[in-house]
Structures are given as structure tokens and as C-alpha cells.
Amino acid sequence: MVTDNWEVAIFTRLNELAERHGLSPFDFSASLNRDGKGHSMLIFHVVPNEEVPTERFTRLLAGLGITDDDTLHIEGTDEQIYDTLTWAIQNAPRPPQRGR
């Protein structure tokens, strides 16, 4: 498996979105499946763990338009997936500001 800059960009956005929802990248797993013809699927894999904040993960998915537990993915071109993640970040809660 070869990782390219588009894949890195998508996962960087995903991790940023997770952080906005108070999640660590280690609270869940996601993979990017590509068919080689321009179609990709970002698939979320929930890691069963008592410490994973399920409510936060559910909000992250809802921000991406995923509301059905049977459909834990978004699909399109790499650029469409990237744009969807960027849009979700823009609409996600802002982290609290730290005082000096």
C-alpha cells in the first residue's frame, strides 16, 4: 500500500475534526479505500472501548451527515471527501480559548 499526499491530507483533516469534537485519533479507526478509478470511500471503524466518548464520536459522524450506524462511511472523489471534512471542521465546535 502506497500513501500519497491526498491520503495524508484527508487523514490530517479527519484528525483535526476529531480534535474539535474532543476525540483522540486513537478513539476510533478509519480507512480510505480507493478503487483506482477516482472513487474513494472513507470508512469509520469504531474501536470498542469503554473509554471512547461515544457521544462525541456520534456528533463527529453527524457533522459529516452520517446518522445511520449501518452506513459508517462517506464516499466520492478524494477531493470531495477532503471538502466534506473541511466543511465539517468549519461547522464543528471551536476548542475553548486558553487564557494567559
PDB file of N, CA and C in Angstrom:
ATOM      1  N   MET A   1       0.835  -1.174   0.000  1.00  0.00           N
ATOM      2  CA  MET A   1       0.000   0.000   0.000  1.00  0.00           C
ATOM      3  C   MET A   1       0.884   1.243   0.000  1.00  0.00           C
ATOM      4  N   VAL A   2       0.622   2.154  -0.897  1.00  0.00           N
ATOM      5  CA  VAL A   2       1.376   3.396  -1.007  1.00  0.00           C
ATOM      6  C   VAL A   2       0.496   4.540  -0.501  1.00  0.00           C
ATOM      7  N   THR A   3       1.063   5.369   0.357  1.00  0.00           N
ATOM      8  CA  THR A   3       0.355   6.538   0.849  1.00  0.00           C
ATOM      9  C   THR A   3       0.806   7.742   0.044  1.00  0.00           C
ATOM     10  N   ASP A   4      -0.152   8.528  -0.437  1.00  0.00           N
ATOM     11  CA  ASP A   4       0.204   9.731  -1.184  1.00  0.00           C
ATOM     12  C   ASP A   4      -0.258  10.969  -0.420  1.00  0.00           C
ATOM     13  N   ASN A   5       0.043  12.141  -0.947  1.00  0.00           N
ATOM     14  CA  ASN A   5      -0.275  13.377  -0.235  1.00  0.00           C
ATOM     15  C   ASN A   5      -1.772  13.601  -0.080  1.00  0.00           C
ATOM     16  N   TRP A   6      -2.597  13.115  -1.007  1.00  0.00           N
ATOM     17  CA  TRP A   6      -4.042  13.263  -0.858  1.00  0.00           C
ATOM     18  C   TRP A   6      -4.545  12.469   0.338  1.00  0.00           C
ATOM     19  N   GLU A   7      -4.040  11.265   0.477  1.00  0.00           N
ATOM     20  CA  GLU A   7      -4.449  10.431   1.604  1.00  0.00           C
ATOM     21  C   GLU A   7      -4.035  11.082   2.924  1.00  0.00           C
ATOM     22  N   VAL A   8      -2.821  11.602   2.970  1.00  0.00           N
ATOM     23  CA  VAL A   8      -2.335  12.293   4.166  1.00  0.00           C
ATOM     24  C   VAL A   8      -3.217  13.514   4.449  1.00  0.00           C
ATOM     25  N   ALA A   9      -3.571  14.270   3.416  1.00  0.00           N
ATOM     26  CA  ALA A   9      -4.415  15.456   3.588  1.00  0.00           C
ATOM     27  C   ALA A   9      -5.776  15.082   4.166  1.00  0.00           C
ATOM     28  N   ILE A  10      -6.369  14.018   3.675  1.00  0.00           N
ATOM     29  CA  ILE A  10      -7.673  13.570   4.168  1.00  0.00           C
ATOM     30  C   ILE A  10      -7.576  13.170   5.636  1.00  0.00           C
ATOM     31  N   PHE A  11      -6.567  12.385   5.987  1.00  0.00           N
ATOM     32  CA  PHE A  11      -6.447  11.946   7.377  1.00  0.00           C
ATOM     33  C   PHE A  11      -6.051  13.089   8.310  1.00  0.00           C
ATOM     34  N   THR A  12      -5.305  14.059   7.803  1.00  0.00           N
ATOM     35  CA  THR A  12      -4.982  15.237   8.612  1.00  0.00           C
ATOM     36  C   THR A  12      -6.254  16.000   8.940  1.00  0.00           C
ATOM     37  N   ARG A  13      -7.114  16.198   7.950  1.00  0.00           N
ATOM     38  CA  ARG A  13      -8.403  16.861   8.181  1.00  0.00           C
ATOM     39  C   ARG A  13      -9.262  16.053   9.148  1.00  0.00           C
ATOM     40  N   LEU A  14      -9.288  14.749   8.973  1.00  0.00           N
ATOM     41  CA  LEU A  14     -10.087  13.903   9.859  1.00  0.00           C
ATOM     42  C   LEU A  14      -9.612  14.029  11.303  1.00  0.00           C
ATOM     43  N   ASN A  15      -8.318  14.022  11.516  1.00  0.00           N
ATOM     44  CA  ASN A  15      -7.792  14.155  12.875  1.00  0.00           C
ATOM     45  C   ASN A  15      -8.104  15.528  13.460  1.00  0.00           C
ATOM     46  N   GLU A  16      -8.067  16.566  12.626  1.00  0.00           N
ATOM     47  CA  GLU A  16      -8.432  17.907  13.080  1.00  0.00           C
ATOM     48  C   GLU A  16      -9.903  17.948  13.488  1.00  0.00           C
ATOM     49  N   LEU A  17     -10.753  17.319  12.701  1.00  0.00           N
ATOM     50  CA  LEU A  17     -12.176  17.257  13.025  1.00  0.00           C
ATOM     51  C   LEU A  17     -12.396  16.490  14.329  1.00  0.00           C
ATOM     52  N   ALA A  18     -11.699  15.388  14.495  1.00  0.00           N
ATOM     53  CA  ALA A  18     -11.819  14.600  15.725  1.00  0.00           C
ATOM     54  C   ALA A  18     -11.437  15.443  16.939  1.00  0.00           C
ATOM     55  N   GLU A  19     -10.356  16.193  16.802  1.00  0.00           N
ATOM     56  CA  GLU A  19      -9.904  17.044  17.907  1.00  0.00           C
ATOM     57  C   GLU A  19     -10.965  18.083  18.265  1.00  0.00           C
ATOM     58  N   ARG A  20     -11.626  18.633  17.257  1.00  0.00           N
ATOM     59  CA  ARG A  20     -12.685  19.619  17.500  1.00  0.00           C
ATOM     60  C   ARG A  20     -13.820  19.026  18.330  1.00  0.00           C
ATOM     61  N   HIS A  21     -13.998  17.721  18.203  1.00  0.00           N
ATOM     62  CA  HIS A  21     -15.064  17.037  18.948  1.00  0.00           C
ATOM     63  C   HIS A  21     -14.549  16.405  20.238  1.00  0.00           C
ATOM     64  N   GLY A  22     -13.323  16.733  20.605  1.00  0.00           N
ATOM     65  CA  GLY A  22     -12.769  16.217  21.856  1.00  0.00           C
ATOM     66  C   GLY A  22     -12.336  14.770  21.785  1.00  0.00           C
ATOM     67  N   LEU A  23     -12.030  14.306  20.586  1.00  0.00           N
ATOM     68  CA  LEU A  23     -11.604  12.919  20.384  1.00  0.00           C
ATOM     69  C   LEU A  23     -10.127  12.853  20.036  1.00  0.00           C
ATOM     70  N   SER A  24      -9.516  11.776  20.404  1.00  0.00           N
ATOM     71  CA  SER A  24      -8.151  11.473  20.020  1.00  0.00           C
ATOM     72  C   SER A  24      -8.200  10.601  18.765  1.00  0.00           C
ATOM     73  N   PRO A  25      -7.185  10.663  17.927  1.00  0.00           N
ATOM     74  CA  PRO A  25      -7.154   9.750  16.780  1.00  0.00           C
ATOM     75  C   PRO A  25      -7.143   8.274  17.206  1.00  0.00           C
ATOM     76  N   PHE A  26      -6.847   8.025  18.458  1.00  0.00           N
ATOM     77  CA  PHE A  26      -6.812   6.644  18.958  1.00  0.00           C
ATOM     78  C   PHE A  26      -8.159   6.193  19.507  1.00  0.00           C
ATOM     79  N   ASP A  27      -9.175   7.072  19.466  1.00  0.00           N
ATOM     80  CA  ASP A  27     -10.512   6.717  19.937  1.00  0.00           C
ATOM     81  C   ASP A  27     -11.314   5.973  18.880  1.00  0.00           C
ATOM     82  N   PHE A  28     -10.864   5.992  17.648  1.00  0.00           N
ATOM     83  CA  PHE A  28     -11.563   5.318  16.555  1.00  0.00           C
ATOM     84  C   PHE A  28     -10.547   5.018  15.462  1.00  0.00           C
ATOM     85  N   SER A  29     -10.987   4.303  14.468  1.00  0.00           N
ATOM     86  CA  SER A  29     -10.121   3.990  13.339  1.00  0.00           C
ATOM     87  C   SER A  29     -10.882   4.301  12.055  1.00  0.00           C
ATOM     88  N   ALA A  30     -10.165   4.740  11.056  1.00  0.00           N
ATOM     89  CA  ALA A  30     -10.768   4.998   9.747  1.00  0.00           C
ATOM     90  C   ALA A  30      -9.794   4.544   8.673  1.00  0.00           C
ATOM     91  N   SER A  31     -10.342   4.136   7.560  1.00  0.00           N
ATOM     92  CA  SER A  31      -9.501   3.739   6.432  1.00  0.00           C
ATOM     93  C   SER A  31     -10.055   4.365   5.163  1.00  0.00           C
ATOM     94  N   LEU A  32      -9.176   4.557   4.202  1.00  0.00           N
ATOM     95  CA  LEU A  32      -9.566   5.124   2.915  1.00  0.00           C
ATOM     96  C   LEU A  32      -9.395   4.045   1.858  1.00  0.00           C
ATOM     97  N   ASN A  33     -10.508   3.652   1.280  1.00  0.00           N
ATOM     98  CA  ASN A  33     -10.472   2.660   0.208  1.00  0.00           C
ATOM     99  C   ASN A  33     -10.648   3.388  -1.116  1.00  0.00           C
ATOM    100  N   ARG A  34      -9.757   3.102  -2.054  1.00  0.00           N
ATOM    101  CA  ARG A  34      -9.800   3.728  -3.370  1.00  0.00           C
ATOM    102  C   ARG A  34      -9.910   2.649  -4.434  1.00  0.00           C
ATOM    103  N   ASP A  35     -10.714   2.920  -5.450  1.00  0.00           N
ATOM    104  CA  ASP A  35     -10.899   1.905  -6.490  1.00  0.00           C
ATOM    105  C   ASP A  35      -9.969   2.091  -7.686  1.00  0.00           C
ATOM    106  N   GLY A  36      -9.144   3.139  -7.668  1.00  0.00           N
ATOM    107  CA  GLY A  36      -8.230   3.382  -8.775  1.00  0.00           C
ATOM    108  C   GLY A  36      -8.876   4.064  -9.968  1.00  0.00           C
ATOM    109  N   LYS A  37     -10.180   4.323  -9.881  1.00  0.00           N
ATOM    110  CA  LYS A  37     -10.908   4.979 -10.968  1.00  0.00           C
ATOM    111  C   LYS A  37     -11.459   6.330 -10.518  1.00  0.00           C
ATOM    112  N   GLY A  38     -10.904   6.873  -9.419  1.00  0.00           N
ATOM    113  CA  GLY A  38     -11.337   8.182  -8.948  1.00  0.00           C
ATOM    114  C   GLY A  38     -12.385   8.155  -7.861  1.00  0.00           C
ATOM    115  N   HIS A  39     -12.839   6.973  -7.466  1.00  0.00           N
ATOM    116  CA  HIS A  39     -13.852   6.858  -6.416  1.00  0.00           C
ATOM    117  C   HIS A  39     -13.187   6.351  -5.141  1.00  0.00           C
ATOM    118  N   SER A  40     -13.498   7.018  -4.033  1.00  0.00           N
ATOM    119  CA  SER A  40     -12.924   6.627  -2.742  1.00  0.00           C
ATOM    120  C   SER A  40     -14.020   6.521  -1.699  1.00  0.00           C
ATOM    121  N   MET A  41     -13.704   5.826  -0.626  1.00  0.00           N
ATOM    122  CA  MET A  41     -14.630   5.673   0.486  1.00  0.00           C
ATOM    123  C   MET A  41     -13.836   5.778   1.785  1.00  0.00           C
ATOM    124  N   LEU A  42     -14.211   6.746   2.633  1.00  0.00           N
ATOM    125  CA  LEU A  42     -13.622   6.888   3.951  1.00  0.00           C
ATOM    126  C   LEU A  42     -14.523   6.129   4.910  1.00  0.00           C
ATOM    127  N   ILE A  43     -13.996   5.040   5.453  1.00  0.00           N
ATOM    128  CA  ILE A  43     -14.789   4.137   6.288  1.00  0.00           C
ATOM    129  C   ILE A  43     -14.353   4.277   7.737  1.00  0.00           C
ATOM    130  N   PHE A  44     -15.342   4.455   8.621  1.00  0.00           N
ATOM    131  CA  PHE A  44     -15.071   4.575  10.050  1.00  0.00           C
ATOM    132  C   PHE A  44     -15.261   3.226  10.721  1.00  0.00           C
ATOM    133  N   HIS A  45     -14.299   2.884  11.570  1.00  0.00           N
ATOM    134  CA  HIS A  45     -14.347   1.646  12.334  1.00  0.00           C
ATOM    135  C   HIS A  45     -14.337   2.049  13.804  1.00  0.00           C
ATOM    136  N   VAL A  46     -15.404   1.753  14.504  1.00  0.00           N
ATOM    137  CA  VAL A  46     -15.466   2.087  15.919  1.00  0.00           C
ATOM    138  C   VAL A  46     -14.664   1.051  16.677  1.00  0.00           C
ATOM    139  N   VAL A  47     -13.769   1.520  17.510  1.00  0.00           N
ATOM    140  CA  VAL A  47     -12.967   0.626  18.331  1.00  0.00           C
ATOM    141  C   VAL A  47     -13.711   0.441  19.654  1.00  0.00           C
ATOM    142  N   PRO A  48     -14.206  -0.777  19.934  1.00  0.00           N
ATOM    143  CA  PRO A  48     -14.939  -0.970  21.179  1.00  0.00           C
ATOM    144  C   PRO A  48     -14.027  -0.766  22.391  1.00  0.00           C
ATOM    145  N   ASN A  49     -14.336   0.224  23.171  1.00  0.00           N
ATOM    146  CA  ASN A  49     -13.503   0.573  24.312  1.00  0.00           C
ATOM    147  C   ASN A  49     -14.347   1.426  25.249  1.00  0.00           C
ATOM    148  N   GLU A  50     -14.371   1.089  26.504  1.00  0.00           N
ATOM    149  CA  GLU A  50     -15.185   1.831  27.467  1.00  0.00           C
ATOM    150  C   GLU A  50     -14.781   3.294  27.551  1.00  0.00           C
ATOM    151  N   GLU A  51     -13.540   3.611  27.217  1.00  0.00           N
ATOM    152  CA  GLU A  51     -13.041   4.971  27.366  1.00  0.00           C
ATOM    153  C   GLU A  51     -13.355   5.859  26.166  1.00  0.00           C
ATOM    154  N   VAL A  52     -13.860   5.291  25.073  1.00  0.00           N
ATOM    155  CA  VAL A  52     -14.174   6.086  23.889  1.00  0.00           C
ATOM    156  C   VAL A  52     -15.455   6.871  24.149  1.00  0.00           C
ATOM    157  N   PRO A  53     -15.393   8.191  24.034  1.00  0.00           N
ATOM    158  CA  PRO A  53     -16.581   9.017  24.240  1.00  0.00           C
ATOM    159  C   PRO A  53     -17.569   8.840  23.077  1.00  0.00           C
ATOM    160  N   THR A  54     -18.491   7.905  23.205  1.00  0.00           N
ATOM    161  CA  THR A  54     -19.417   7.546  22.131  1.00  0.00           C
ATOM    162  C   THR A  54     -20.229   8.747  21.662  1.00  0.00           C
ATOM    163  N   GLU A  55     -20.675   9.577  22.589  1.00  0.00           N
ATOM    164  CA  GLU A  55     -21.491  10.741  22.224  1.00  0.00           C
ATOM    165  C   GLU A  55     -20.698  11.685  21.317  1.00  0.00           C
ATOM    166  N   ARG A  56     -19.440  11.878  21.619  1.00  0.00           N
ATOM    167  CA  ARG A  56     -18.598  12.759  20.800  1.00  0.00           C
ATOM    168  C   ARG A  56     -18.379  12.179  19.404  1.00  0.00           C
ATOM    169  N   PHE A  57     -18.159  10.873  19.348  1.00  0.00           N
ATOM    170  CA  PHE A  57     -17.962  10.218  18.057  1.00  0.00           C
ATOM    171  C   PHE A  57     -19.241  10.303  17.223  1.00  0.00           C
ATOM    172  N   THR A  58     -20.386  10.131  17.871  1.00  0.00           N
ATOM    173  CA  THR A  58     -21.671  10.234  17.180  1.00  0.00           C
ATOM    174  C   THR A  58     -21.860  11.635  16.613  1.00  0.00           C
ATOM    175  N   ARG A  59     -21.463  12.667  17.363  1.00  0.00           N
ATOM    176  CA  ARG A  59     -21.562  14.045  16.872  1.00  0.00           C
ATOM    177  C   ARG A  59     -20.613  14.276  15.697  1.00  0.00           C
ATOM    178  N   LEU A  60     -19.417  13.700  15.754  1.00  0.00           N
ATOM    179  CA  LEU A  60     -18.470  13.814  14.646  1.00  0.00           C
ATOM    180  C   LEU A  60     -19.102  13.232  13.380  1.00  0.00           C
ATOM    181  N   LEU A  61     -19.664  12.039  13.490  1.00  0.00           N
ATOM    182  CA  LEU A  61     -20.298  11.400  12.333  1.00  0.00           C
ATOM    183  C   LEU A  61     -21.477  12.219  11.828  1.00  0.00           C
ATOM    184  N   ALA A  62     -22.300  12.725  12.743  1.00  0.00           N
ATOM    185  CA  ALA A  62     -23.460  13.526  12.347  1.00  0.00           C
ATOM    186  C   ALA A  62     -23.027  14.778  11.592  1.00  0.00           C
ATOM    187  N   GLY A  63     -21.901  15.365  11.999  1.00  0.00           N
ATOM    188  CA  GLY A  63     -21.369  16.527  11.306  1.00  0.00           C
ATOM    189  C   GLY A  63     -20.954  16.228   9.871  1.00  0.00           C
ATOM    190  N   LEU A  64     -20.735  14.964   9.591  1.00  0.00           N
ATOM    191  CA  LEU A  64     -20.399  14.519   8.238  1.00  0.00           C
ATOM    192  C   LEU A  64     -21.622  14.012   7.482  1.00  0.00           C
ATOM    193  N   GLY A  65     -22.783  14.076   8.141  1.00  0.00           N
ATOM    194  CA  GLY A  65     -24.013  13.601   7.511  1.00  0.00           C
ATOM    195  C   GLY A  65     -24.273  12.125   7.716  1.00  0.00           C
ATOM    196  N   ILE A  66     -23.516  11.494   8.603  1.00  0.00           N
ATOM    197  CA  ILE A  66     -23.695  10.066   8.877  1.00  0.00           C
ATOM    198  C   ILE A  66     -24.546   9.928  10.132  1.00  0.00           C
ATOM    199  N   THR A  67     -25.762   9.444   9.959  1.00  0.00           N
ATOM    200  CA  THR A  67     -26.656   9.288  11.109  1.00  0.00           C
ATOM    201  C   THR A  67     -27.127   7.850  11.287  1.00  0.00           C
ATOM    202  N   ASP A  68     -26.732   6.993  10.390  1.00  0.00           N
ATOM    203  CA  ASP A  68     -27.152   5.593  10.422  1.00  0.00           C
ATOM    204  C   ASP A  68     -25.945   4.720  10.768  1.00  0.00           C
ATOM    205  N   ASP A  69     -26.063   3.907  11.821  1.00  0.00           N
ATOM    206  CA  ASP A  69     -24.952   3.049  12.240  1.00  0.00           C
ATOM    207  C   ASP A  69     -24.547   2.029  11.179  1.00  0.00           C
ATOM    208  N   ASP A  70     -25.424   1.765  10.233  1.00  0.00           N
ATOM    209  CA  ASP A  70     -25.107   0.802   9.176  1.00  0.00           C
ATOM    210  C   ASP A  70     -24.310   1.442   8.043  1.00  0.00           C
ATOM    211  N   THR A  71     -24.240   2.775   8.025  1.00  0.00           N
ATOM    212  CA  THR A  71     -23.541   3.486   6.969  1.00  0.00           C
ATOM    213  C   THR A  71     -22.435   4.326   7.589  1.00  0.00           C
ATOM    214  N   LEU A  72     -21.368   3.689   7.986  1.00  0.00           N
ATOM    215  CA  LEU A  72     -20.271   4.397   8.642  1.00  0.00           C
ATOM    216  C   LEU A  72     -19.194   4.772   7.634  1.00  0.00           C
ATOM    217  N   HIS A  73     -19.609   5.492   6.590  1.00  0.00           N
ATOM    218  CA  HIS A  73     -18.639   5.920   5.580  1.00  0.00           C
ATOM    219  C   HIS A  73     -19.145   7.143   4.836  1.00  0.00           C
ATOM    220  N   ILE A  74     -18.198   7.834   4.209  1.00  0.00           N
ATOM    221  CA  ILE A  74     -18.533   8.853   3.221  1.00  0.00           C
ATOM    222  C   ILE A  74     -17.784   8.480   1.957  1.00  0.00           C
ATOM    223  N   GLU A  75     -18.368   8.824   0.822  1.00  0.00           N
ATOM    224  CA  GLU A  75     -17.721   8.434  -0.423  1.00  0.00           C
ATOM    225  C   GLU A  75     -17.790   9.527  -1.464  1.00  0.00           C
ATOM    226  N   GLY A  76     -16.922   9.419  -2.424  1.00  0.00           N
ATOM    227  CA  GLY A  76     -16.809  10.378  -3.516  1.00  0.00           C
ATOM    228  C   GLY A  76     -15.382  10.361  -4.021  1.00  0.00           C
ATOM    229  N   THR A  77     -14.987  11.418  -4.679  1.00  0.00           N
ATOM    230  CA  THR A  77     -13.583  11.535  -5.079  1.00  0.00           C
ATOM    231  C   THR A  77     -12.784  11.939  -3.836  1.00  0.00           C
ATOM    232  N   ASP A  78     -11.476  11.822  -3.906  1.00  0.00           N
ATOM    233  CA  ASP A  78     -10.639  12.265  -2.789  1.00  0.00           C
ATOM    234  C   ASP A  78     -10.919  13.731  -2.471  1.00  0.00           C
ATOM    235  N   GLU A  79     -11.061  14.542  -3.504  1.00  0.00           N
ATOM    236  CA  GLU A  79     -11.301  15.968  -3.306  1.00  0.00           C
ATOM    237  C   GLU A  79     -12.653  16.216  -2.639  1.00  0.00           C
ATOM    238  N   GLN A  80     -13.676  15.466  -3.005  1.00  0.00           N
ATOM    239  CA  GLN A  80     -14.991  15.621  -2.380  1.00  0.00           C
ATOM    240  C   GLN A  80     -14.942  15.223  -0.905  1.00  0.00           C
ATOM    241  N   ILE A  81     -14.227  14.158  -0.593  1.00  0.00           N
ATOM    242  CA  ILE A  81     -14.087  13.734   0.801  1.00  0.00           C
ATOM    243  C   ILE A  81     -13.333  14.796   1.595  1.00  0.00           C
ATOM    244  N   TYR A  82     -12.267  15.308   1.021  1.00  0.00           N
ATOM    245  CA  TYR A  82     -11.491  16.377   1.662  1.00  0.00           C
ATOM    246  C   TYR A  82     -12.374  17.603   1.903  1.00  0.00           C
ATOM    247  N   ASP A  83     -13.146  17.992   0.899  1.00  0.00           N
ATOM    248  CA  ASP A  83     -14.037  19.148   1.035  1.00  0.00           C
ATOM    249  C   ASP A  83     -15.111  18.914   2.091  1.00  0.00           C
ATOM    250  N   THR A  84     -15.644  17.713   2.172  1.00  0.00           N
ATOM    251  CA  THR A  84     -16.634  17.384   3.187  1.00  0.00           C
ATOM    252  C   THR A  84     -16.040  17.514   4.578  1.00  0.00           C
ATOM    253  N   LEU A  85     -14.823  17.015   4.759  1.00  0.00           N
ATOM    254  CA  LEU A  85     -14.152  17.135   6.056  1.00  0.00           C
ATOM    255  C   LEU A  85     -13.867  18.596   6.387  1.00  0.00           C
ATOM    256  N   THR A  86     -13.447  19.373   5.406  1.00  0.00           N
ATOM    257  CA  THR A  86     -13.175  20.795   5.614  1.00  0.00           C
ATOM    258  C   THR A  86     -14.454  21.515   6.025  1.00  0.00           C
ATOM    259  N   TRP A  87     -15.559  21.219   5.363  1.00  0.00           N
ATOM    260  CA  TRP A  87     -16.849  21.818   5.691  1.00  0.00           C
ATOM    261  C   TRP A  87     -17.256  21.443   7.117  1.00  0.00           C
ATOM    262  N   ALA A  88     -17.076  20.180   7.480  1.00  0.00           N
ATOM    263  CA  ALA A  88     -17.440  19.727   8.826  1.00  0.00           C
ATOM    264  C   ALA A  88     -16.587  20.424   9.889  1.00  0.00           C
ATOM    265  N   ILE A  89     -15.319  20.669   9.590  1.00  0.00           N
ATOM    266  CA  ILE A  89     -14.445  21.382  10.529  1.00  0.00           C
ATOM    267  C   ILE A  89     -14.952  22.806  10.716  1.00  0.00           C
ATOM    268  N   GLN A  90     -15.337  23.452   9.639  1.00  0.00           N
ATOM    269  CA  GLN A  90     -15.828  24.825   9.717  1.00  0.00           C
ATOM    270  C   GLN A  90     -17.102  24.926  10.552  1.00  0.00           C
ATOM    271  N   ASN A  91     -17.868  23.851  10.625  1.00  0.00           N
ATOM    272  CA  ASN A  91     -19.127  23.849  11.371  1.00  0.00           C
ATOM    273  C   ASN A  91     -19.029  23.146  12.719  1.00  0.00           C
ATOM    274  N   ALA A  92     -17.859  22.647  13.051  1.00  0.00           N
ATOM    275  CA  ALA A  92     -17.656  21.921  14.317  1.00  0.00           C
ATOM    276  C   ALA A  92     -17.433  22.915  15.455  1.00  0.00           C
ATOM    277  N   PRO A  93     -17.635  22.451  16.686  1.00  0.00           N
ATOM    278  CA  PRO A  93     -17.387  23.334  17.824  1.00  0.00           C
ATOM    279  C   PRO A  93     -15.927  23.774  17.869  1.00  0.00           C
ATOM    280  N   ARG A  94     -15.723  24.986  18.302  1.00  0.00           N
ATOM    281  CA  ARG A  94     -14.353  25.518  18.446  1.00  0.00           C
ATOM    282  C   ARG A  94     -13.813  25.072  19.793  1.00  0.00           C
ATOM    283  N   PRO A  95     -12.513  24.752  19.830  1.00  0.00           N
ATOM    284  CA  PRO A  95     -11.920  24.407  21.126  1.00  0.00           C
ATOM    285  C   PRO A  95     -11.921  25.630  22.034  1.00  0.00           C
ATOM    286  N   PRO A  96     -12.035  25.415  23.347  1.00  0.00           N
ATOM    287  CA  PRO A  96     -12.031  26.565  24.270  1.00  0.00           C
ATOM    288  C   PRO A  96     -10.729  27.341  24.177  1.00  0.00           C
ATOM    289  N   GLN A  97     -10.847  28.670  24.284  1.00  0.00           N
ATOM    290  CA  GLN A  97      -9.664  29.533  24.280  1.00  0.00           C
ATOM    291  C   GLN A  97      -8.962  29.448  25.615  1.00  0.00           C
ATOM    292  N   ARG A  98      -7.666  29.356  25.586  1.00  0.00           N
ATOM    293  CA  ARG A  98      -6.894  29.284  26.813  1.00  0.00           C
ATOM    294  C   ARG A  98      -6.453  30.686  27.219  1.00  0.00           C
ATOM    295  N   GLY A  99      -6.587  30.984  28.497  1.00  0.00           N
ATOM    296  CA  GLY A  99      -6.158  32.280  28.997  1.00  0.00           C
ATOM    297  C   GLY A  99      -4.656  32.304  29.206  1.00  0.00           C
ATOM    298  N   ARG A 100      -4.135  33.504  29.339  1.00  0.00           N
ATOM    299  CA  ARG A 100      -2.683  33.638  29.566  1.00  0.00           C
ATOM    300  C   ARG A 100      -2.378  33.711  31.020  1.00  0.00           C
TER     301      ARG A 100
END
